[in-house]
Protein backbone atom coordinates (compact mmCIF):
# COMPACT_ATOMS: atom_id res chain seq x y z
CA MET A 1 0.00 0.00 0.00
CA ILE A 2 2.81 2.39 0.88
CA ARG A 3 4.54 1.64 -2.45
CA ILE A 4 1.37 2.46 -4.38
CA LEU A 5 0.90 5.70 -2.46
CA PHE A 6 4.56 6.64 -3.04
CA ALA A 7 4.26 5.87 -6.76
CA CYS A 8 1.10 7.98 -7.05
CA LEU A 9 2.67 10.92 -5.22
CA LEU A 10 5.80 10.74 -7.36
CA THR A 11 3.72 10.64 -10.54
CA VAL A 12 1.68 13.67 -9.48
CA ALA A 13 4.82 15.56 -8.48
CA LEU A 14 6.49 14.86 -11.82
CA ALA A 15 3.37 15.80 -13.76
CA ALA A 16 3.08 19.09 -11.88
CA CYS A 17 6.67 20.09 -12.61
CA THR A 18 7.31 22.53 -15.37
CA THR A 19 10.77 23.49 -16.39
CA LEU A 20 10.40 27.01 -17.76
CA SER A 21 13.69 28.43 -18.99
CA VAL A 22 13.79 31.95 -20.41
CA TYR A 23 16.80 33.66 -21.95
CA THR A 24 17.21 37.00 -23.67
CA ASP A 25 20.04 38.61 -25.59
CA TYR A 26 20.35 41.95 -27.35
CA ASN A 27 22.62 44.11 -29.44
CA PRO A 28 24.07 46.73 -27.06
CA SER A 29 24.45 49.26 -29.89
CA ALA A 30 20.72 49.16 -30.75
CA GLN A 31 18.84 52.33 -29.87
CA PHE A 32 15.75 50.87 -28.22
CA ALA A 33 14.53 54.31 -27.14
CA SER A 34 14.02 55.24 -30.81
CA TYR A 35 11.77 52.25 -31.61
CA ARG A 36 8.05 52.89 -31.35
CA THR A 37 6.42 50.64 -33.96
CA TYR A 38 6.75 47.02 -35.01
CA SER A 39 5.40 44.73 -37.70
CA TRP A 40 5.33 40.97 -37.97
CA ARG A 41 7.67 39.38 -40.50
CA THR A 42 7.19 35.73 -39.47
CA THR A 43 4.61 34.12 -37.22
CA PRO A 44 4.93 30.56 -35.93
CA ASP A 45 3.71 28.02 -38.48
CA GLN A 46 5.02 24.86 -36.77
CA VAL A 47 2.06 24.82 -34.36
CA SER A 48 -1.70 24.85 -34.75
CA PRO A 49 -3.24 28.06 -36.08
CA LEU A 50 -4.93 28.60 -32.70
CA MET A 51 -1.67 28.33 -30.78
CA SER A 52 0.10 30.50 -33.36
CA GLN A 53 -2.47 33.24 -32.80
CA ARG A 54 -2.12 32.88 -29.02
CA ILE A 55 1.64 33.35 -29.33
CA VAL A 56 1.23 36.47 -31.49
CA ASP A 57 -1.42 37.86 -29.12
CA ALA A 58 0.78 37.25 -26.03
CA ILE A 59 3.72 39.05 -27.66
CA ASN A 60 1.49 41.90 -28.85
CA VAL A 61 0.17 42.39 -25.31
CA GLN A 62 3.72 42.66 -23.94
CA LEU A 63 4.89 45.10 -26.60
CA ARG A 64 1.79 47.30 -26.23
CA ALA A 65 2.44 47.41 -22.48
CA LYS A 66 5.93 48.75 -23.31
CA GLY A 67 4.41 51.54 -25.42
CA TRP A 68 5.04 50.03 -28.84
CA THR A 69 2.41 50.09 -31.61
CA GLU A 70 1.83 47.38 -34.18
CA VAL A 71 1.66 48.53 -37.81
CA ALA A 72 0.84 46.39 -40.84
CA THR A 73 4.17 46.94 -42.61
CA ASP A 74 7.44 48.83 -42.25
CA GLY A 75 7.49 49.21 -38.48
CA ASP A 76 10.68 50.39 -36.81
CA VAL A 77 11.23 46.77 -35.79
CA ALA A 78 10.41 43.55 -37.64
CA LEU A 79 9.40 40.56 -35.50
CA ALA A 80 9.88 36.88 -36.22
CA ALA A 81 8.60 34.12 -33.93
CA ASN A 82 9.34 30.44 -34.37
CA VAL A 83 8.52 27.29 -32.43
CA ALA A 84 10.41 24.01 -32.23
CA THR A 85 9.34 20.90 -30.32
CA HIS A 86 10.96 17.63 -29.33
CA GLN A 87 10.11 14.58 -27.25
CA GLU A 88 11.82 13.82 -23.95
CA PHE A 89 11.47 10.77 -21.72
CA ASP A 90 11.49 9.98 -18.00
CA LEU A 91 12.13 6.50 -16.69
CA ASP A 92 10.73 5.57 -13.27
CA HIS A 93 11.93 2.30 -11.77
CA PHE A 94 10.41 0.83 -8.61
CA TYR A 95 11.59 -2.15 -6.56
CA GLY A 96 9.10 -4.22 -4.60
CA GLY A 97 8.71 -7.42 -2.68
CA PRO A 98 9.83 -8.48 0.78
CA TYR A 99 13.50 -7.67 0.21
CA TRP A 100 13.10 -4.69 -2.15
CA GLY A 101 15.31 -6.38 -4.72
CA GLY A 102 18.23 -4.39 -5.98
CA TRP A 103 21.90 -4.83 -6.66
CA GLY A 104 24.88 -4.92 -4.36
CA TRP A 105 23.16 -5.43 -1.02
CA GLY A 106 24.93 -8.64 -0.05
CA PRO A 107 24.58 -12.30 -0.95
CA GLY A 108 21.08 -13.52 -1.54
CA TRP A 109 19.48 -10.13 -0.91
CA GLY A 110 16.30 -9.86 -2.95
CA ALA A 111 16.48 -13.49 -4.04
CA PHE A 112 13.11 -14.37 -2.51
CA GLY A 113 10.21 -12.76 -4.27
CA GLY A 114 11.59 -9.30 -5.03
CA TYR A 115 10.32 -7.63 -8.18
CA SER A 116 10.74 -4.40 -10.03
CA SER A 117 8.67 -2.40 -12.46
CA SER A 118 9.49 0.41 -14.82
CA ARG A 119 7.44 3.13 -16.40
CA VAL A 120 8.48 5.36 -19.27
CA ARG A 121 6.81 8.75 -19.58
CA SER A 122 7.20 10.77 -22.75
CA TYR A 123 6.43 14.45 -22.94
CA THR A 124 6.84 17.27 -25.42
CA VAL A 125 9.17 20.20 -24.80
CA GLY A 126 8.62 23.33 -26.84
CA THR A 127 10.92 26.25 -27.53
CA LEU A 128 9.61 29.66 -28.58
CA ALA A 129 12.15 32.02 -30.15
CA VAL A 130 11.25 35.68 -30.75
CA ASP A 131 13.67 37.72 -32.85
CA MET A 132 13.63 41.46 -33.48
CA PHE A 133 15.35 43.23 -36.36
CA ASP A 134 15.93 46.93 -36.97
CA ASN A 135 13.98 47.55 -40.18
CA LYS A 136 16.38 50.23 -41.45
CA THR A 137 19.69 48.46 -40.82
CA ARG A 138 18.33 44.88 -41.14
CA GLN A 139 20.41 43.96 -38.09
CA ALA A 140 19.26 41.68 -35.28
CA ILE A 141 18.65 43.72 -32.13
CA TRP A 142 16.98 41.36 -29.62
CA ARG A 143 16.23 37.69 -29.08
CA GLY A 144 14.13 36.00 -26.44
CA THR A 145 13.72 32.26 -26.03
CA ALA A 146 11.45 30.32 -23.71
CA GLU A 147 11.48 26.56 -23.25
CA ASN A 148 8.96 24.56 -21.29
CA THR A 149 7.05 21.31 -21.18
CA ILE A 150 3.93 21.59 -23.32
CA ARG A 151 0.79 20.51 -21.56
CA LYS A 152 -1.96 18.72 -23.47
CA ASP A 153 -4.77 20.82 -21.98
CA PRO A 154 -5.10 23.95 -24.20
CA VAL A 155 -6.17 26.15 -21.27
CA LYS A 156 -3.11 25.20 -19.21
CA ALA A 157 -0.84 25.38 -22.28
CA THR A 158 -2.10 28.92 -23.00
CA ALA A 159 -1.52 29.97 -19.38
CA ASP A 160 2.02 28.57 -19.55
CA LEU A 161 2.62 30.39 -22.84
CA GLN A 162 1.42 33.72 -21.44
CA ALA A 163 3.62 33.31 -18.35
CA ALA A 164 6.64 32.45 -20.49
CA VAL A 165 6.17 35.44 -22.80
CA ALA A 166 5.60 37.76 -19.82
CA GLU A 167 8.84 36.57 -18.25
CA MET A 168 10.64 36.95 -21.58
CA PHE A 169 9.70 40.66 -21.67
CA VAL A 170 10.37 41.51 -17.99
CA GLY A 171 13.57 43.44 -18.76
CA PHE A 172 12.45 44.73 -22.14
CA PRO A 173 13.56 47.04 -23.61
CA PRO A 174 17.09 46.36 -22.42
CA GLY A 175 18.11 48.82 -19.75
CA SER A 176 14.54 49.36 -18.51
CA ALA A 177 14.86 46.89 -15.61
CA PRO A 178 17.73 45.14 -13.87
CA ALA A 179 18.91 42.00 -15.66
CA GLN A 180 17.85 38.76 -13.98
């Protein structure tokens, strides 16, 4: 009974974990104070149209909050957002039985009725990359990336996306807040 309870608690704890990683980089010679407008050059096409629109909306909200205005074409800054995904795996291995099985615990240890079971859990990790380019010089000026486990529930996935994009823009434009 205790093993089952432990296995259930471990499964819930692993399922609840998210591993959000956010990184930003920028060109120190870019004049962020002179940028006021932006236009989209590339929107994510590697995800569903609904998720693509949610990504664009989340970025638009952050840029509007910073005082920037979206224009259809020829903004001061051109934006490109891309998504990449890959599968990762967790292996859980449990020992059971009267002697808990195992290796290296002395002669005969686990020889009487011990057993083990394994469970493989696969999950999808997604990376969102947002790039900004000065439209006049065509030079890259800023990049933000966020990586996290993608949840299957669209409501939770959208909440994770919004949190990741918000964290990505915490210190934007560069120099407006202390670096984290």
